[in-house]
Amino acid sequence: MSPNVPEQVEAERQRIVAALGQIGFVLPGTISTRMARCGKQTCRCRREPPQLHGPYIQWTRAVKGKTVTKVFSEAQLATYQPWFDNNRQLRELSTHLQQLSLDTIRSVEGWGAET
């Protein structure tokens, strides 16, 4: 048995599902760029003003509860940035679909906002 879902809600669900079907590869995690000092006391990175080493592009994510970091080249970042963007879009669409579902069951069943 299927609940009586309003047409505009079903249309929005179908839009979300169609958008999900268009997403390509996804990579989770965070990309950050950092500059660093080395351990050599006579290096340019220790002078005033410091000339730090880098930039270093780092991809950080959790694997089995542990933080894992990989260093990317600029070329790798250019290649894989769309995959990170796809992951962000996937999370947004998933969150939207969950909220739409919660709002719908509340409406269809007449439940309050705290359900």
PDB file of N, CA and C in Angstrom:
ATOM      1  N   MET A   1       0.841  -1.180   0.000  1.00  0.00           N
ATOM      2  CA  MET A   1       0.000   0.000   0.000  1.00  0.00           C
ATOM      3  C   MET A   1       0.889   1.247   0.000  1.00  0.00           C
ATOM      4  N   SER A   2       0.560   2.185  -0.821  1.00  0.00           N
ATOM      5  CA  SER A   2       1.334   3.423  -0.939  1.00  0.00           C
ATOM      6  C   SER A   2       0.535   4.588  -0.353  1.00  0.00           C
ATOM      7  N   PRO A   3       1.184   5.476   0.411  1.00  0.00           N
ATOM      8  CA  PRO A   3       0.442   6.610   0.970  1.00  0.00           C
ATOM      9  C   PRO A   3       0.017   7.582  -0.125  1.00  0.00           C
ATOM     10  N   ASN A   4      -0.975   8.389   0.188  1.00  0.00           N
ATOM     11  CA  ASN A   4      -1.483   9.387  -0.738  1.00  0.00           C
ATOM     12  C   ASN A   4      -0.576  10.619  -0.690  1.00  0.00           C
ATOM     13  N   VAL A   5       0.449  10.620  -1.538  1.00  0.00           N
ATOM     14  CA  VAL A   5       1.427  11.706  -1.571  1.00  0.00           C
ATOM     15  C   VAL A   5       0.962  12.754  -2.575  1.00  0.00           C
ATOM     16  N   PRO A   6       0.942  14.034  -2.186  1.00  0.00           N
ATOM     17  CA  PRO A   6       0.536  15.090  -3.122  1.00  0.00           C
ATOM     18  C   PRO A   6       1.411  15.099  -4.390  1.00  0.00           C
ATOM     19  N   GLU A   7       0.796  15.476  -5.496  1.00  0.00           N
ATOM     20  CA  GLU A   7       1.491  15.459  -6.793  1.00  0.00           C
ATOM     21  C   GLU A   7       2.761  16.296  -6.800  1.00  0.00           C
ATOM     22  N   GLN A   8       2.717  17.498  -6.203  1.00  0.00           N
ATOM     23  CA  GLN A   8       3.899  18.366  -6.218  1.00  0.00           C
ATOM     24  C   GLN A   8       5.041  17.761  -5.399  1.00  0.00           C
ATOM     25  N   VAL A   9       4.710  17.019  -4.346  1.00  0.00           N
ATOM     26  CA  VAL A   9       5.737  16.352  -3.533  1.00  0.00           C
ATOM     27  C   VAL A   9       6.354  15.213  -4.336  1.00  0.00           C
ATOM     28  N   GLU A  10       5.506  14.430  -5.004  1.00  0.00           N
ATOM     29  CA  GLU A  10       6.019  13.339  -5.842  1.00  0.00           C
ATOM     30  C   GLU A  10       6.872  13.885  -6.977  1.00  0.00           C
ATOM     31  N   ALA A  11       6.485  15.009  -7.546  1.00  0.00           N
ATOM     32  CA  ALA A  11       7.278  15.629  -8.621  1.00  0.00           C
ATOM     33  C   ALA A  11       8.658  16.054  -8.105  1.00  0.00           C
ATOM     34  N   GLU A  12       8.692  16.593  -6.897  1.00  0.00           N
ATOM     35  CA  GLU A  12       9.970  16.991  -6.302  1.00  0.00           C
ATOM     36  C   GLU A  12      10.829  15.765  -6.021  1.00  0.00           C
ATOM     37  N   ARG A  13      10.229  14.693  -5.527  1.00  0.00           N
ATOM     38  CA  ARG A  13      10.970  13.453  -5.288  1.00  0.00           C
ATOM     39  C   ARG A  13      11.562  12.923  -6.591  1.00  0.00           C
ATOM     40  N   GLN A  14      10.774  12.955  -7.652  1.00  0.00           N
ATOM     41  CA  GLN A  14      11.265  12.486  -8.946  1.00  0.00           C
ATOM     42  C   GLN A  14      12.403  13.367  -9.461  1.00  0.00           C
ATOM     43  N   ARG A  15      12.319  14.686  -9.217  1.00  0.00           N
ATOM     44  CA  ARG A  15      13.407  15.586  -9.618  1.00  0.00           C
ATOM     45  C   ARG A  15      14.692  15.225  -8.887  1.00  0.00           C
ATOM     46  N   ILE A  16      14.577  14.950  -7.590  1.00  0.00           N
ATOM     47  CA  ILE A  16      15.752  14.592  -6.792  1.00  0.00           C
ATOM     48  C   ILE A  16      16.347  13.280  -7.287  1.00  0.00           C
ATOM     49  N   VAL A  17      15.495  12.286  -7.526  1.00  0.00           N
ATOM     50  CA  VAL A  17      15.963  10.985  -7.992  1.00  0.00           C
ATOM     51  C   VAL A  17      16.643  11.124  -9.353  1.00  0.00           C
ATOM     52  N   ALA A  18      16.089  11.939 -10.235  1.00  0.00           N
ATOM     53  CA  ALA A  18      16.707  12.156 -11.548  1.00  0.00           C
ATOM     54  C   ALA A  18      18.072  12.820 -11.399  1.00  0.00           C
ATOM     55  N   ALA A  19      18.173  13.787 -10.504  1.00  0.00           N
ATOM     56  CA  ALA A  19      19.459  14.457 -10.268  1.00  0.00           C
ATOM     57  C   ALA A  19      20.476  13.483  -9.686  1.00  0.00           C
ATOM     58  N   LEU A  20      20.039  12.606  -8.795  1.00  0.00           N
ATOM     59  CA  LEU A  20      20.939  11.590  -8.241  1.00  0.00           C
ATOM     60  C   LEU A  20      21.484  10.686  -9.344  1.00  0.00           C
ATOM     61  N   GLY A  21      20.642  10.373 -10.314  1.00  0.00           N
ATOM     62  CA  GLY A  21      21.055   9.517 -11.423  1.00  0.00           C
ATOM     63  C   GLY A  21      22.072  10.161 -12.350  1.00  0.00           C
ATOM     64  N   GLN A  22      22.224  11.475 -12.275  1.00  0.00           N
ATOM     65  CA  GLN A  22      23.161  12.197 -13.130  1.00  0.00           C
ATOM     66  C   GLN A  22      24.544  12.365 -12.495  1.00  0.00           C
ATOM     67  N   ILE A  23      24.656  12.029 -11.216  1.00  0.00           N
ATOM     68  CA  ILE A  23      25.925  12.218 -10.512  1.00  0.00           C
ATOM     69  C   ILE A  23      26.919  11.150 -10.951  1.00  0.00           C
ATOM     70  N   GLY A  24      28.131  11.577 -11.235  1.00  0.00           N
ATOM     71  CA  GLY A  24      29.198  10.653 -11.608  1.00  0.00           C
ATOM     72  C   GLY A  24      29.925  10.142 -10.379  1.00  0.00           C
ATOM     73  N   PHE A  25      31.214   9.900 -10.520  1.00  0.00           N
ATOM     74  CA  PHE A  25      32.022   9.425  -9.402  1.00  0.00           C
ATOM     75  C   PHE A  25      32.036  10.444  -8.272  1.00  0.00           C
ATOM     76  N   VAL A  26      32.149   9.947  -7.046  1.00  0.00           N
ATOM     77  CA  VAL A  26      32.194  10.823  -5.877  1.00  0.00           C
ATOM     78  C   VAL A  26      33.391  10.451  -5.005  1.00  0.00           C
ATOM     79  N   LEU A  27      34.011  11.465  -4.436  1.00  0.00           N
ATOM     80  CA  LEU A  27      35.097  11.265  -3.471  1.00  0.00           C
ATOM     81  C   LEU A  27      34.734  11.999  -2.188  1.00  0.00           C
ATOM     82  N   PRO A  28      34.721  11.291  -1.070  1.00  0.00           N
ATOM     83  CA  PRO A  28      34.434  11.935   0.208  1.00  0.00           C
ATOM     84  C   PRO A  28      35.684  12.604   0.756  1.00  0.00           C
ATOM     85  N   GLY A  29      35.490  13.460   1.725  1.00  0.00           N
ATOM     86  CA  GLY A  29      36.626  14.064   2.402  1.00  0.00           C
ATOM     87  C   GLY A  29      36.749  15.542   2.135  1.00  0.00           C
ATOM     88  N   THR A  30      37.910  16.057   2.518  1.00  0.00           N
ATOM     89  CA  THR A  30      38.170  17.485   2.457  1.00  0.00           C
ATOM     90  C   THR A  30      39.462  17.746   1.705  1.00  0.00           C
ATOM     91  N   ILE A  31      39.441  18.775   0.871  1.00  0.00           N
ATOM     92  CA  ILE A  31      40.657  19.242   0.206  1.00  0.00           C
ATOM     93  C   ILE A  31      41.100  20.508   0.919  1.00  0.00           C
ATOM     94  N   SER A  32      42.371  20.563   1.271  1.00  0.00           N
ATOM     95  CA  SER A  32      42.921  21.779   1.881  1.00  0.00           C
ATOM     96  C   SER A  32      44.289  22.051   1.270  1.00  0.00           C
ATOM     97  N   THR A  33      44.655  23.297   1.302  1.00  0.00           N
ATOM     98  CA  THR A  33      45.959  23.720   0.807  1.00  0.00           C
ATOM     99  C   THR A  33      46.705  24.362   1.963  1.00  0.00           C
ATOM    100  N   ARG A  34      47.948  23.953   2.153  1.00  0.00           N
ATOM    101  CA  ARG A  34      48.712  24.516   3.262  1.00  0.00           C
ATOM    102  C   ARG A  34      50.131  24.833   2.833  1.00  0.00           C
ATOM    103  N   MET A  35      50.722  25.718   3.584  1.00  0.00           N
ATOM    104  CA  MET A  35      52.130  26.082   3.439  1.00  0.00           C
ATOM    105  C   MET A  35      52.825  25.562   4.700  1.00  0.00           C
ATOM    106  N   ALA A  36      54.132  25.276   4.606  1.00  0.00           N
ATOM    107  CA  ALA A  36      54.792  24.657   5.756  1.00  0.00           C
ATOM    108  C   ALA A  36      56.224  25.167   5.932  1.00  0.00           C
ATOM    109  N   ARG A  37      56.718  25.015   7.152  1.00  0.00           N
ATOM    110  CA  ARG A  37      58.116  25.242   7.476  1.00  0.00           C
ATOM    111  C   ARG A  37      58.791  23.879   7.563  1.00  0.00           C
ATOM    112  N   CYS A  38      60.051  23.821   7.195  1.00  0.00           N
ATOM    113  CA  CYS A  38      60.797  22.575   7.321  1.00  0.00           C
ATOM    114  C   CYS A  38      61.634  22.609   8.606  1.00  0.00           C
ATOM    115  N   GLY A  39      62.450  21.606   8.804  1.00  0.00           N
ATOM    116  CA  GLY A  39      63.239  21.510  10.023  1.00  0.00           C
ATOM    117  C   GLY A  39      64.608  22.166   9.953  1.00  0.00           C
ATOM    118  N   LYS A  40      65.008  22.660   8.798  1.00  0.00           N
ATOM    119  CA  LYS A  40      66.343  23.257   8.645  1.00  0.00           C
ATOM    120  C   LYS A  40      66.345  24.669   9.221  1.00  0.00           C
ATOM    121  N   GLN A  41      67.248  24.924  10.137  1.00  0.00           N
ATOM    122  CA  GLN A  41      67.305  26.235  10.801  1.00  0.00           C
ATOM    123  C   GLN A  41      67.756  27.356   9.869  1.00  0.00           C
ATOM    124  N   THR A  42      68.485  27.024   8.807  1.00  0.00           N
ATOM    125  CA  THR A  42      68.997  28.060   7.892  1.00  0.00           C
ATOM    126  C   THR A  42      68.139  28.224   6.639  1.00  0.00           C
ATOM    127  N   CYS A  43      67.008  27.572   6.589  1.00  0.00           N
ATOM    128  CA  CYS A  43      66.147  27.614   5.397  1.00  0.00           C
ATOM    129  C   CYS A  43      65.422  28.955   5.298  1.00  0.00           C
ATOM    130  N   ARG A  44      65.028  29.303   4.092  1.00  0.00           N
ATOM    131  CA  ARG A  44      64.282  30.534   3.818  1.00  0.00           C
ATOM    132  C   ARG A  44      62.947  30.581   4.556  1.00  0.00           C
ATOM    133  N   CYS A  45      62.424  29.417   4.926  1.00  0.00           N
ATOM    134  CA  CYS A  45      61.126  29.393   5.625  1.00  0.00           C
ATOM    135  C   CYS A  45      61.257  29.861   7.078  1.00  0.00           C
ATOM    136  N   ARG A  46      62.485  29.999   7.573  1.00  0.00           N
ATOM    137  CA  ARG A  46      62.718  30.439   8.963  1.00  0.00           C
ATOM    138  C   ARG A  46      63.060  31.929   9.045  1.00  0.00           C
ATOM    139  N   ARG A  47      63.297  32.563   7.908  1.00  0.00           N
ATOM    140  CA  ARG A  47      63.682  33.978   7.891  1.00  0.00           C
ATOM    141  C   ARG A  47      62.470  34.872   8.126  1.00  0.00           C
ATOM    142  N   GLU A  48      62.744  36.149   8.269  1.00  0.00           N
ATOM    143  CA  GLU A  48      61.674  37.143   8.385  1.00  0.00           C
ATOM    144  C   GLU A  48      61.711  38.028   7.156  1.00  0.00           C
ATOM    145  N   PRO A  49      60.674  38.177   6.397  1.00  0.00           N
ATOM    146  CA  PRO A  49      59.450  37.393   6.503  1.00  0.00           C
ATOM    147  C   PRO A  49      59.690  35.977   5.971  1.00  0.00           C
ATOM    148  N   PRO A  50      59.001  35.008   6.501  1.00  0.00           N
ATOM    149  CA  PRO A  50      59.213  33.628   6.076  1.00  0.00           C
ATOM    150  C   PRO A  50      58.724  33.394   4.649  1.00  0.00           C
ATOM    151  N   GLN A  51      59.461  32.557   3.936  1.00  0.00           N
ATOM    152  CA  GLN A  51      59.055  32.106   2.603  1.00  0.00           C
ATOM    153  C   GLN A  51      58.747  30.612   2.737  1.00  0.00           C
ATOM    154  N   LEU A  52      57.515  30.318   3.060  1.00  0.00           N
ATOM    155  CA  LEU A  52      57.119  28.953   3.384  1.00  0.00           C
ATOM    156  C   LEU A  52      57.142  28.040   2.165  1.00  0.00           C
ATOM    157  N   HIS A  53      57.282  26.760   2.420  1.00  0.00           N
ATOM    158  CA  HIS A  53      57.264  25.744   1.358  1.00  0.00           C
ATOM    159  C   HIS A  53      55.815  25.424   1.004  1.00  0.00           C
ATOM    160  N   GLY A  54      55.597  25.091  -0.237  1.00  0.00           N
ATOM    161  CA  GLY A  54      54.244  24.727  -0.666  1.00  0.00           C
ATOM    162  C   GLY A  54      53.824  25.565  -1.843  1.00  0.00           C
ATOM    163  N   PRO A  55      52.613  25.592  -2.172  1.00  0.00           N
ATOM    164  CA  PRO A  55      51.482  25.030  -1.434  1.00  0.00           C
ATOM    165  C   PRO A  55      51.401  23.506  -1.596  1.00  0.00           C
ATOM    166  N   TYR A  56      50.936  22.855  -0.536  1.00  0.00           N
ATOM    167  CA  TYR A  56      50.688  21.426  -0.534  1.00  0.00           C
ATOM    168  C   TYR A  56      49.177  21.218  -0.507  1.00  0.00           C
ATOM    169  N   ILE A  57      48.699  20.472  -1.480  1.00  0.00           N
ATOM    170  CA  ILE A  57      47.266  20.187  -1.589  1.00  0.00           C
ATOM    171  C   ILE A  57      47.036  18.834  -0.923  1.00  0.00           C
ATOM    172  N   GLN A  58      46.166  18.816   0.093  1.00  0.00           N
ATOM    173  CA  GLN A  58      45.938  17.592   0.847  1.00  0.00           C
ATOM    174  C   GLN A  58      44.480  17.164   0.791  1.00  0.00           C
ATOM    175  N   TRP A  59      44.287  15.867   0.565  1.00  0.00           N
ATOM    176  CA  TRP A  59      42.969  15.253   0.619  1.00  0.00           C
ATOM    177  C   TRP A  59      42.909  14.464   1.920  1.00  0.00           C
ATOM    178  N   THR A  60      41.970  14.811   2.770  1.00  0.00           N
ATOM    179  CA  THR A  60      41.830  14.158   4.068  1.00  0.00           C
ATOM    180  C   THR A  60      40.444  13.539   4.166  1.00  0.00           C
ATOM    181  N   ARG A  61      40.407  12.301   4.675  1.00  0.00           N
ATOM    182  CA  ARG A  61      39.136  11.604   4.879  1.00  0.00           C
ATOM    183  C   ARG A  61      39.304  10.587   5.995  1.00  0.00           C
ATOM    184  N   ALA A  62      38.190  10.074   6.483  1.00  0.00           N
ATOM    185  CA  ALA A  62      38.211   9.056   7.524  1.00  0.00           C
ATOM    186  C   ALA A  62      38.057   7.680   6.887  1.00  0.00           C
ATOM    187  N   VAL A  63      38.914   6.748   7.304  1.00  0.00           N
ATOM    188  CA  VAL A  63      38.849   5.361   6.863  1.00  0.00           C
ATOM    189  C   VAL A  63      38.878   4.488   8.110  1.00  0.00           C
ATOM    190  N   LYS A  64      37.773   3.782   8.361  1.00  0.00           N
ATOM    191  CA  LYS A  64      37.651   2.921   9.545  1.00  0.00           C
ATOM    192  C   LYS A  64      37.990   3.682  10.821  1.00  0.00           C
ATOM    193  N   GLY A  65      37.504   4.906  10.916  1.00  0.00           N
ATOM    194  CA  GLY A  65      37.698   5.710  12.115  1.00  0.00           C
ATOM    195  C   GLY A  65      39.043   6.404  12.223  1.00  0.00           C
ATOM    196  N   LYS A  66      39.894   6.247  11.247  1.00  0.00           N
ATOM    197  CA  LYS A  66      41.215   6.880  11.257  1.00  0.00           C
ATOM    198  C   LYS A  66      41.291   7.923  10.146  1.00  0.00           C
ATOM    199  N   THR A  67      41.995   9.013  10.422  1.00  0.00           N
ATOM    200  CA  THR A  67      42.180  10.049   9.418  1.00  0.00           C
ATOM    201  C   THR A  67      43.301   9.636   8.470  1.00  0.00           C
ATOM    202  N   VAL A  68      42.999   9.702   7.177  1.00  0.00           N
ATOM    203  CA  VAL A  68      43.963   9.362   6.139  1.00  0.00           C
ATOM    204  C   VAL A  68      44.163  10.599   5.275  1.00  0.00           C
ATOM    205  N   THR A  69      45.422  10.914   4.979  1.00  0.00           N
ATOM    206  CA  THR A  69      45.734  12.100   4.169  1.00  0.00           C
ATOM    207  C   THR A  69      46.602  11.693   2.991  1.00  0.00           C
ATOM    208  N   LYS A  70      46.268  12.194   1.827  1.00  0.00           N
ATOM    209  CA  LYS A  70      47.055  12.011   0.606  1.00  0.00           C
ATOM    210  C   LYS A  70      47.380  13.391   0.049  1.00  0.00           C
ATOM    211  N   VAL A  71      48.558  13.519  -0.514  1.00  0.00           N
ATOM    212  CA  VAL A  71      48.961  14.786  -1.136  1.00  0.00           C
ATOM    213  C   VAL A  71      48.630  14.703  -2.623  1.00  0.00           C
ATOM    214  N   PHE A  72      47.972  15.731  -3.135  1.00  0.00           N
ATOM    215  CA  PHE A  72      47.600  15.827  -4.544  1.00  0.00           C
ATOM    216  C   PHE A  72      48.497  16.829  -5.239  1.00  0.00           C
ATOM    217  N   SER A  73      48.772  16.571  -6.491  1.00  0.00           N
ATOM    218  CA  SER A  73      49.401  17.586  -7.337  1.00  0.00           C
ATOM    219  C   SER A  73      48.289  18.510  -7.824  1.00  0.00           C
ATOM    220  N   GLU A  74      48.665  19.634  -8.390  1.00  0.00           N
ATOM    221  CA  GLU A  74      47.644  20.538  -8.944  1.00  0.00           C
ATOM    222  C   GLU A  74      46.889  19.863 -10.077  1.00  0.00           C
ATOM    223  N   ALA A  75      47.592  19.049 -10.876  1.00  0.00           N
ATOM    224  CA  ALA A  75      46.941  18.328 -11.975  1.00  0.00           C
ATOM    225  C   ALA A  75      45.928  17.321 -11.439  1.00  0.00           C
ATOM    226  N   GLN A  76      46.284  16.626 -10.356  1.00  0.00           N
ATOM    227  CA  GLN A  76      45.346  15.678  -9.762  1.00  0.00           C
ATOM    228  C   GLN A  76      44.117  16.400  -9.211  1.00  0.00           C
ATOM    229  N   LEU A  77      44.338  17.527  -8.570  1.00  0.00           N
ATOM    230  CA  LEU A  77      43.205  18.285  -8.052  1.00  0.00           C
ATOM    231  C   LEU A  77      42.283  18.711  -9.191  1.00  0.00           C
ATOM    232  N   ALA A  78      42.859  19.191 -10.279  1.00  0.00           N
ATOM    233  CA  ALA A  78      42.040  19.600 -11.424  1.00  0.00           C
ATOM    234  C   ALA A  78      41.247  18.417 -11.978  1.00  0.00           C
ATOM    235  N   THR A  79      41.847  17.234 -11.989  1.00  0.00           N
ATOM    236  CA  THR A  79      41.179  16.040 -12.493  1.00  0.00           C
ATOM    237  C   THR A  79      40.052  15.588 -11.573  1.00  0.00           C
ATOM    238  N   TYR A  80      40.295  15.592 -10.264  1.00  0.00           N
ATOM    239  CA  TYR A  80      39.351  15.000  -9.314  1.00  0.00           C
ATOM    240  C   TYR A  80      38.435  15.991  -8.606  1.00  0.00           C
ATOM    241  N   GLN A  81      38.624  17.283  -8.809  1.00  0.00           N
ATOM    242  CA  GLN A  81      37.743  18.265  -8.171  1.00  0.00           C
ATOM    243  C   GLN A  81      36.268  18.010  -8.485  1.00  0.00           C
ATOM    244  N   PRO A  82      35.921  17.645  -9.728  1.00  0.00           N
ATOM    245  CA  PRO A  82      34.509  17.345 -10.000  1.00  0.00           C
ATOM    246  C   PRO A  82      33.971  16.192  -9.149  1.00  0.00           C
ATOM    247  N   TRP A  83      34.805  15.249  -8.771  1.00  0.00           N
ATOM    248  CA  TRP A  83      34.366  14.128  -7.943  1.00  0.00           C
ATOM    249  C   TRP A  83      34.048  14.617  -6.525  1.00  0.00           C
ATOM    250  N   PHE A  84      34.836  15.567  -6.028  1.00  0.00           N
ATOM    251  CA  PHE A  84      34.548  16.160  -4.718  1.00  0.00           C
ATOM    252  C   PHE A  84      33.264  16.989  -4.793  1.00  0.00           C
ATOM    253  N   ASP A  85      33.101  17.719  -5.894  1.00  0.00           N
ATOM    254  CA  ASP A  85      31.874  18.506  -6.102  1.00  0.00           C
ATOM    255  C   ASP A  85      30.654  17.584  -6.176  1.00  0.00           C
ATOM    256  N   ASN A  86      30.807  16.440  -6.838  1.00  0.00           N
ATOM    257  CA  ASN A  86      29.710  15.468  -6.927  1.00  0.00           C
ATOM    258  C   ASN A  86      29.345  14.938  -5.545  1.00  0.00           C
ATOM    259  N   ASN A  87      30.339  14.720  -4.700  1.00  0.00           N
ATOM    260  CA  ASN A  87      30.057  14.236  -3.353  1.00  0.00           C
ATOM    261  C   ASN A  87      29.241  15.258  -2.569  1.00  0.00           C
ATOM    262  N   ARG A  88      29.582  16.523  -2.716  1.00  0.00           N
ATOM    263  CA  ARG A  88      28.837  17.586  -2.039  1.00  0.00           C
ATOM    264  C   ARG A  88      27.389  17.591  -2.549  1.00  0.00           C
ATOM    265  N   GLN A  89      27.218  17.472  -3.863  1.00  0.00           N
ATOM    266  CA  GLN A  89      25.875  17.460  -4.447  1.00  0.00           C
ATOM    267  C   GLN A  89      25.095  16.228  -3.975  1.00  0.00           C
ATOM    268  N   LEU A  90      25.755  15.082  -3.886  1.00  0.00           N
ATOM    269  CA  LEU A  90      25.108  13.864  -3.405  1.00  0.00           C
ATOM    270  C   LEU A  90      24.588  14.044  -1.984  1.00  0.00           C
ATOM    271  N   ARG A  91      25.411  14.617  -1.122  1.00  0.00           N
ATOM    272  CA  ARG A  91      24.992  14.851   0.265  1.00  0.00           C
ATOM    273  C   ARG A  91      23.807  15.816   0.323  1.00  0.00           C
ATOM    274  N   GLU A  92      23.858  16.882  -0.472  1.00  0.00           N
ATOM    275  CA  GLU A  92      22.762  17.858  -0.481  1.00  0.00           C
ATOM    276  C   GLU A  92      21.459  17.236  -0.967  1.00  0.00           C
ATOM    277  N   LEU A  93      21.532  16.450  -2.045  1.00  0.00           N
ATOM    278  CA  LEU A  93      20.325  15.818  -2.580  1.00  0.00           C
ATOM    279  C   LEU A  93      19.774  14.783  -1.605  1.00  0.00           C
ATOM    280  N   SER A  94      20.657  14.011  -0.989  1.00  0.00           N
ATOM    281  CA  SER A  94      20.230  13.013  -0.017  1.00  0.00           C
ATOM    282  C   SER A  94      19.547  13.675   1.172  1.00  0.00           C
ATOM    283  N   THR A  95      20.124  14.746   1.674  1.00  0.00           N
ATOM    284  CA  THR A  95      19.530  15.486   2.790  1.00  0.00           C
ATOM    285  C   THR A  95      18.170  16.052   2.395  1.00  0.00           C
ATOM    286  N   HIS A  96      18.071  16.576   1.180  1.00  0.00           N
ATOM    287  CA  HIS A  96      16.802  17.132   0.698  1.00  0.00           C
ATOM    288  C   HIS A  96      15.740  16.033   0.602  1.00  0.00           C
ATOM    289  N   LEU A  97      16.116  14.869   0.075  1.00  0.00           N
ATOM    290  CA  LEU A  97      15.172  13.759  -0.047  1.00  0.00           C
ATOM    291  C   LEU A  97      14.717  13.274   1.331  1.00  0.00           C
ATOM    292  N   GLN A  98      15.634  13.200   2.283  1.00  0.00           N
ATOM    293  CA  GLN A  98      15.267  12.805   3.645  1.00  0.00           C
ATOM    294  C   GLN A  98      14.284  13.805   4.255  1.00  0.00           C
ATOM    295  N   GLN A  99      14.560  15.094   4.087  1.00  0.00           N
ATOM    296  CA  GLN A  99      13.671  16.112   4.651  1.00  0.00           C
ATOM    297  C   GLN A  99      12.305  16.087   3.981  1.00  0.00           C
ATOM    298  N   LEU A 100      12.304  15.913   2.667  1.00  0.00           N
ATOM    299  CA  LEU A 100      11.037  15.803   1.931  1.00  0.00           C
ATOM    300  C   LEU A 100      10.227  14.610   2.445  1.00  0.00           C
ATOM    301  N   SER A 101      10.892  13.498   2.693  1.00  0.00           N
ATOM    302  CA  SER A 101      10.226  12.299   3.202  1.00  0.00           C
ATOM    303  C   SER A 101       9.658  12.534   4.595  1.00  0.00           C
ATOM    304  N   LEU A 102      10.446  13.167   5.461  1.00  0.00           N
ATOM    305  CA  LEU A 102       9.973  13.474   6.812  1.00  0.00           C
ATOM    306  C   LEU A 102       8.771  14.413   6.781  1.00  0.00           C
ATOM    307  N   ASP A 103       8.868  15.463   5.966  1.00  0.00           N
ATOM    308  CA  ASP A 103       7.749  16.410   5.847  1.00  0.00           C
ATOM    309  C   ASP A 103       6.496  15.714   5.319  1.00  0.00           C
ATOM    310  N   THR A 104       6.686  14.792   4.374  1.00  0.00           N
ATOM    311  CA  THR A 104       5.560  14.090   3.763  1.00  0.00           C
ATOM    312  C   THR A 104       4.871  13.164   4.764  1.00  0.00           C
ATOM    313  N   ILE A 105       5.644  12.392   5.511  1.00  0.00           N
ATOM    314  CA  ILE A 105       5.005  11.477   6.474  1.00  0.00           C
ATOM    315  C   ILE A 105       4.297  12.263   7.568  1.00  0.00           C
ATOM    316  N   ARG A 106       4.876  13.388   7.970  1.00  0.00           N
ATOM    317  CA  ARG A 106       4.210  14.232   8.966  1.00  0.00           C
ATOM    318  C   ARG A 106       2.865  14.736   8.435  1.00  0.00           C
ATOM    319  N   SER A 107       2.870  15.161   7.178  1.00  0.00           N
ATOM    320  CA  SER A 107       1.662  15.690   6.557  1.00  0.00           C
ATOM    321  C   SER A 107       0.622  14.595   6.330  1.00  0.00           C
ATOM    322  N   VAL A 108       1.051  13.487   5.745  1.00  0.00           N
ATOM    323  CA  VAL A 108       0.128  12.402   5.417  1.00  0.00           C
ATOM    324  C   VAL A 108      -0.467  11.781   6.683  1.00  0.00           C
ATOM    325  N   GLU A 109       0.348  11.630   7.707  1.00  0.00           N
ATOM    326  CA  GLU A 109      -0.105  10.975   8.935  1.00  0.00           C
ATOM    327  C   GLU A 109      -0.646  11.954   9.973  1.00  0.00           C
ATOM    328  N   GLY A 110      -0.488  13.266   9.724  1.00  0.00           N
ATOM    329  CA  GLY A 110      -0.977  14.261  10.654  1.00  0.00           C
ATOM    330  C   GLY A 110      -0.151  14.362  11.925  1.00  0.00           C
ATOM    331  N   TRP A 111       1.138  13.992  11.827  1.00  0.00           N
ATOM    332  CA  TRP A 111       2.012  14.035  12.989  1.00  0.00           C
ATOM    333  C   TRP A 111       2.600  15.422  13.163  1.00  0.00           C
ATOM    334  N   GLY A 112       3.063  15.726  14.353  1.00  0.00           N
ATOM    335  CA  GLY A 112       3.687  17.012  14.640  1.00  0.00           C
ATOM    336  C   GLY A 112       5.091  17.117  14.074  1.00  0.00           C
ATOM    337  N   ALA A 113       5.663  18.287  14.224  1.00  0.00           N
ATOM    338  CA  ALA A 113       6.984  18.580  13.666  1.00  0.00           C
ATOM    339  C   ALA A 113       8.112  17.803  14.337  1.00  0.00           C
ATOM    340  N   GLU A 114       7.898  17.272  15.538  1.00  0.00           N
ATOM    341  CA  GLU A 114       8.965  16.591  16.279  1.00  0.00           C
ATOM    342  C   GLU A 114       9.092  15.113  15.919  1.00  0.00           C
ATOM    343  N   THR A 115       8.341  14.647  14.960  1.00  0.00           N
ATOM    344  CA  THR A 115       8.357  13.230  14.597  1.00  0.00           C
ATOM    345  C   THR A 115       9.521  12.914  13.711  1.00  0.00           C
TER     346      THR A 115
END
